[in-house]
Amino acid sequence: MTHTHPGGVTWTLGEAEDYKRQRDGETMKLWVWRSACAVCGAPIQVKTVTTDPETPATGRNLLKKHCPEHAWKFPAKGEKLGQRK
């Protein structure tokens, strides 16, 4: 199944992983979504919690569209925005 997020990124649903919450020990499913970096095409993935994979989460994790190398980073202390290369 694929899902195109309103931000223009197309995600493909992978497998579901079991996840045990530390808070209360409840087991739930994490759905793994895969896409590619908008700059270099490197594979990226996010995990969402939803009860039905046919209605994907619209949370901010599906807004991700860059690999760690091309992701925007907050400026370091004392740096101005756009100063880092």
N, C-alpha and C. Protein backbone atom coordinates (compact mmCIF):
# COMPACT_ATOMS: atom_id res chain seq x y z
N MET A 1 0.84 -1.17 0.00
CA MET A 1 0.00 0.00 0.00
C MET A 1 0.89 1.24 0.00
N THR A 2 0.53 2.23 -0.77
CA THR A 2 1.26 3.50 -0.77
C THR A 2 0.33 4.62 -0.32
N HIS A 3 0.94 5.67 0.18
CA HIS A 3 0.19 6.83 0.67
C HIS A 3 0.98 8.08 0.30
N THR A 4 0.35 9.00 -0.42
CA THR A 4 1.00 10.27 -0.73
C THR A 4 0.52 11.30 0.28
N HIS A 5 1.45 11.78 1.06
CA HIS A 5 1.14 12.76 2.10
C HIS A 5 0.90 14.12 1.46
N PRO A 6 0.09 14.97 2.05
CA PRO A 6 -0.15 16.29 1.47
C PRO A 6 1.12 17.09 1.18
N GLY A 7 2.22 16.77 1.85
CA GLY A 7 3.49 17.44 1.60
C GLY A 7 4.15 16.97 0.31
N GLY A 8 3.56 15.97 -0.37
CA GLY A 8 4.08 15.50 -1.64
C GLY A 8 4.96 14.27 -1.55
N VAL A 9 5.22 13.77 -0.36
CA VAL A 9 6.07 12.60 -0.19
C VAL A 9 5.22 11.34 -0.29
N THR A 10 5.68 10.37 -1.08
CA THR A 10 4.96 9.11 -1.20
C THR A 10 5.62 8.07 -0.30
N TRP A 11 4.82 7.48 0.56
CA TRP A 11 5.29 6.47 1.51
C TRP A 11 4.72 5.11 1.14
N THR A 12 5.52 4.07 1.32
CA THR A 12 5.10 2.69 1.09
C THR A 12 5.05 1.97 2.42
N LEU A 13 3.95 1.30 2.69
CA LEU A 13 3.78 0.59 3.96
C LEU A 13 4.61 -0.68 3.94
N GLY A 14 5.43 -0.83 4.97
CA GLY A 14 6.22 -2.05 5.14
C GLY A 14 5.52 -2.97 6.14
N GLU A 15 6.31 -3.59 6.96
CA GLU A 15 5.77 -4.55 7.93
C GLU A 15 5.36 -3.84 9.22
N ALA A 16 4.66 -4.57 10.04
CA ALA A 16 4.28 -4.07 11.36
C ALA A 16 5.23 -4.70 12.37
N GLU A 17 5.65 -3.91 13.33
CA GLU A 17 6.52 -4.40 14.39
C GLU A 17 5.77 -4.35 15.71
N ASP A 18 5.97 -5.36 16.53
CA ASP A 18 5.40 -5.32 17.88
C ASP A 18 6.23 -4.38 18.73
N TYR A 19 5.56 -3.61 19.55
CA TYR A 19 6.23 -2.66 20.43
C TYR A 19 5.57 -2.73 21.80
N LYS A 20 6.38 -2.85 22.83
CA LYS A 20 5.85 -2.91 24.20
C LYS A 20 6.11 -1.57 24.87
N ARG A 21 5.03 -0.90 25.24
CA ARG A 21 5.15 0.40 25.91
C ARG A 21 5.74 0.22 27.29
N GLN A 22 6.75 1.02 27.60
CA GLN A 22 7.38 0.93 28.92
C GLN A 22 6.46 1.47 30.01
N ARG A 23 5.61 2.39 29.64
CA ARG A 23 4.73 3.04 30.62
C ARG A 23 3.81 2.03 31.31
N ASP A 24 3.15 1.18 30.50
CA ASP A 24 2.18 0.26 31.09
C ASP A 24 2.33 -1.19 30.63
N GLY A 25 3.33 -1.47 29.80
CA GLY A 25 3.57 -2.84 29.35
C GLY A 25 2.65 -3.32 28.25
N GLU A 26 1.77 -2.45 27.76
CA GLU A 26 0.84 -2.84 26.69
C GLU A 26 1.60 -3.04 25.38
N THR A 27 1.23 -4.10 24.64
CA THR A 27 1.85 -4.37 23.35
C THR A 27 0.98 -3.78 22.25
N MET A 28 1.63 -3.09 21.31
CA MET A 28 0.92 -2.48 20.19
C MET A 28 1.73 -2.69 18.92
N LYS A 29 1.14 -2.33 17.79
CA LYS A 29 1.81 -2.45 16.50
C LYS A 29 2.36 -1.09 16.08
N LEU A 30 3.58 -1.09 15.58
CA LEU A 30 4.16 0.08 14.93
C LEU A 30 4.26 -0.25 13.45
N TRP A 31 3.67 0.58 12.61
CA TRP A 31 3.71 0.37 11.17
C TRP A 31 4.91 1.10 10.60
N VAL A 32 5.69 0.39 9.80
CA VAL A 32 6.90 0.96 9.21
C VAL A 32 6.57 1.47 7.81
N TRP A 33 6.84 2.77 7.58
CA TRP A 33 6.62 3.40 6.29
C TRP A 33 7.96 3.74 5.68
N ARG A 34 8.14 3.48 4.38
CA ARG A 34 9.41 3.74 3.70
C ARG A 34 9.22 4.72 2.55
N SER A 35 10.25 5.56 2.38
CA SER A 35 10.27 6.52 1.28
C SER A 35 11.72 6.76 0.89
N ALA A 36 11.97 7.81 0.12
CA ALA A 36 13.33 8.15 -0.30
C ALA A 36 13.60 9.63 -0.01
N CYS A 37 14.85 9.95 0.28
CA CYS A 37 15.25 11.33 0.54
C CYS A 37 14.98 12.17 -0.70
N ALA A 38 14.42 13.36 -0.50
CA ALA A 38 14.10 14.25 -1.62
C ALA A 38 15.34 14.81 -2.29
N VAL A 39 16.49 14.76 -1.63
CA VAL A 39 17.72 15.31 -2.20
C VAL A 39 18.55 14.24 -2.90
N CYS A 40 18.85 13.15 -2.17
CA CYS A 40 19.78 12.15 -2.71
C CYS A 40 19.14 10.81 -3.04
N GLY A 41 17.89 10.58 -2.63
CA GLY A 41 17.22 9.33 -2.91
C GLY A 41 17.53 8.21 -1.93
N ALA A 42 18.30 8.50 -0.88
CA ALA A 42 18.61 7.47 0.12
C ALA A 42 17.33 7.02 0.81
N PRO A 43 17.25 5.74 1.18
CA PRO A 43 16.03 5.26 1.85
C PRO A 43 15.86 5.88 3.23
N ILE A 44 14.62 6.22 3.56
CA ILE A 44 14.27 6.71 4.89
C ILE A 44 13.04 5.94 5.35
N GLN A 45 12.86 5.87 6.64
CA GLN A 45 11.68 5.20 7.17
C GLN A 45 11.22 5.89 8.44
N VAL A 46 9.93 5.80 8.69
CA VAL A 46 9.33 6.29 9.92
C VAL A 46 8.38 5.21 10.42
N LYS A 47 8.03 5.30 11.69
CA LYS A 47 7.10 4.36 12.30
C LYS A 47 5.91 5.13 12.84
N THR A 48 4.72 4.58 12.62
CA THR A 48 3.51 5.21 13.13
C THR A 48 2.71 4.21 13.93
N VAL A 49 1.90 4.73 14.82
CA VAL A 49 0.98 3.90 15.59
C VAL A 49 -0.41 4.16 15.03
N THR A 50 -1.04 3.13 14.54
CA THR A 50 -2.41 3.25 14.07
C THR A 50 -3.06 1.88 14.16
N THR A 51 -4.34 1.86 14.32
CA THR A 51 -5.03 0.58 14.43
C THR A 51 -5.38 0.01 13.06
N ASP A 52 -5.39 0.86 12.04
CA ASP A 52 -5.76 0.41 10.70
C ASP A 52 -4.78 0.99 9.67
N PRO A 53 -3.95 0.15 9.05
CA PRO A 53 -2.98 0.67 8.08
C PRO A 53 -3.62 1.25 6.82
N GLU A 54 -4.89 0.97 6.60
CA GLU A 54 -5.57 1.53 5.43
C GLU A 54 -5.83 3.02 5.60
N THR A 55 -5.83 3.49 6.84
CA THR A 55 -5.98 4.93 7.09
C THR A 55 -4.72 5.40 7.79
N PRO A 56 -3.68 5.74 7.03
CA PRO A 56 -2.39 6.07 7.63
C PRO A 56 -2.45 7.31 8.50
N ALA A 57 -1.56 7.33 9.46
CA ALA A 57 -1.47 8.49 10.34
C ALA A 57 -1.07 9.71 9.53
N THR A 58 -1.56 10.84 9.92
CA THR A 58 -1.20 12.07 9.22
C THR A 58 -0.32 12.93 10.12
N GLY A 59 0.33 12.31 11.07
CA GLY A 59 1.19 13.04 12.00
C GLY A 59 2.42 13.62 11.32
N ARG A 60 3.16 14.37 12.10
CA ARG A 60 4.31 15.06 11.52
C ARG A 60 5.44 14.12 11.12
N ASN A 61 5.44 12.87 11.61
CA ASN A 61 6.51 11.97 11.19
C ASN A 61 6.43 11.64 9.70
N LEU A 62 5.24 11.71 9.10
CA LEU A 62 5.13 11.49 7.66
C LEU A 62 5.48 12.75 6.86
N LEU A 63 5.78 13.84 7.54
CA LEU A 63 6.25 15.04 6.85
C LEU A 63 7.74 14.95 6.54
N LYS A 64 8.41 14.00 7.16
CA LYS A 64 9.85 13.83 6.94
C LYS A 64 10.09 13.53 5.47
N LYS A 65 11.08 14.20 4.86
CA LYS A 65 11.39 13.90 3.47
C LYS A 65 12.87 13.93 3.16
N HIS A 66 13.71 13.96 4.19
CA HIS A 66 15.15 13.97 3.98
C HIS A 66 15.83 12.94 4.87
N CYS A 67 16.94 12.40 4.38
CA CYS A 67 17.77 11.50 5.17
C CYS A 67 18.48 12.32 6.25
N PRO A 68 19.11 11.67 7.23
CA PRO A 68 19.79 12.43 8.29
C PRO A 68 20.85 13.40 7.76
N GLU A 69 21.50 13.06 6.67
CA GLU A 69 22.53 13.94 6.11
C GLU A 69 21.94 15.24 5.56
N HIS A 70 20.73 15.19 5.01
CA HIS A 70 20.12 16.36 4.39
C HIS A 70 19.01 17.00 5.22
N ALA A 71 18.77 16.46 6.39
CA ALA A 71 17.72 17.02 7.25
C ALA A 71 18.15 18.38 7.79
N TRP A 72 17.17 19.26 7.95
CA TRP A 72 17.46 20.58 8.51
C TRP A 72 17.80 20.43 9.98
N LYS A 73 18.83 21.13 10.42
CA LYS A 73 19.24 21.07 11.81
C LYS A 73 19.17 22.47 12.42
N PHE A 74 18.79 22.53 13.69
CA PHE A 74 18.76 23.81 14.37
C PHE A 74 20.19 24.35 14.46
N PRO A 75 20.36 25.66 14.35
CA PRO A 75 21.70 26.24 14.47
C PRO A 75 22.29 25.97 15.85
N ALA A 76 23.60 25.79 15.90
CA ALA A 76 24.29 25.61 17.18
C ALA A 76 24.23 26.93 17.95
N LYS A 77 24.45 26.84 19.23
CA LYS A 77 24.40 28.04 20.07
C LYS A 77 25.42 29.06 19.55
N GLY A 78 24.96 30.27 19.32
CA GLY A 78 25.83 31.33 18.82
C GLY A 78 25.84 31.44 17.30
N GLU A 79 25.32 30.43 16.59
CA GLU A 79 25.27 30.47 15.14
C GLU A 79 23.98 31.14 14.69
N LYS A 80 24.05 31.82 13.58
CA LYS A 80 22.84 32.42 13.02
C LYS A 80 22.24 31.46 12.00
N LEU A 81 20.95 31.60 11.79
CA LEU A 81 20.26 30.75 10.82
C LEU A 81 20.87 30.92 9.44
N GLY A 82 21.18 29.82 8.77
CA GLY A 82 21.76 29.85 7.43
C GLY A 82 23.27 30.01 7.42
N GLN A 83 23.90 30.09 8.58
CA GLN A 83 25.34 30.27 8.67
C GLN A 83 26.09 28.97 8.46
N ARG A 84 25.50 27.84 8.85
CA ARG A 84 26.17 26.54 8.75
C ARG A 84 26.16 26.05 7.32
N LYS A 85 27.25 25.47 6.87
CA LYS A 85 27.35 24.89 5.52
C LYS A 85 27.30 23.40 5.59
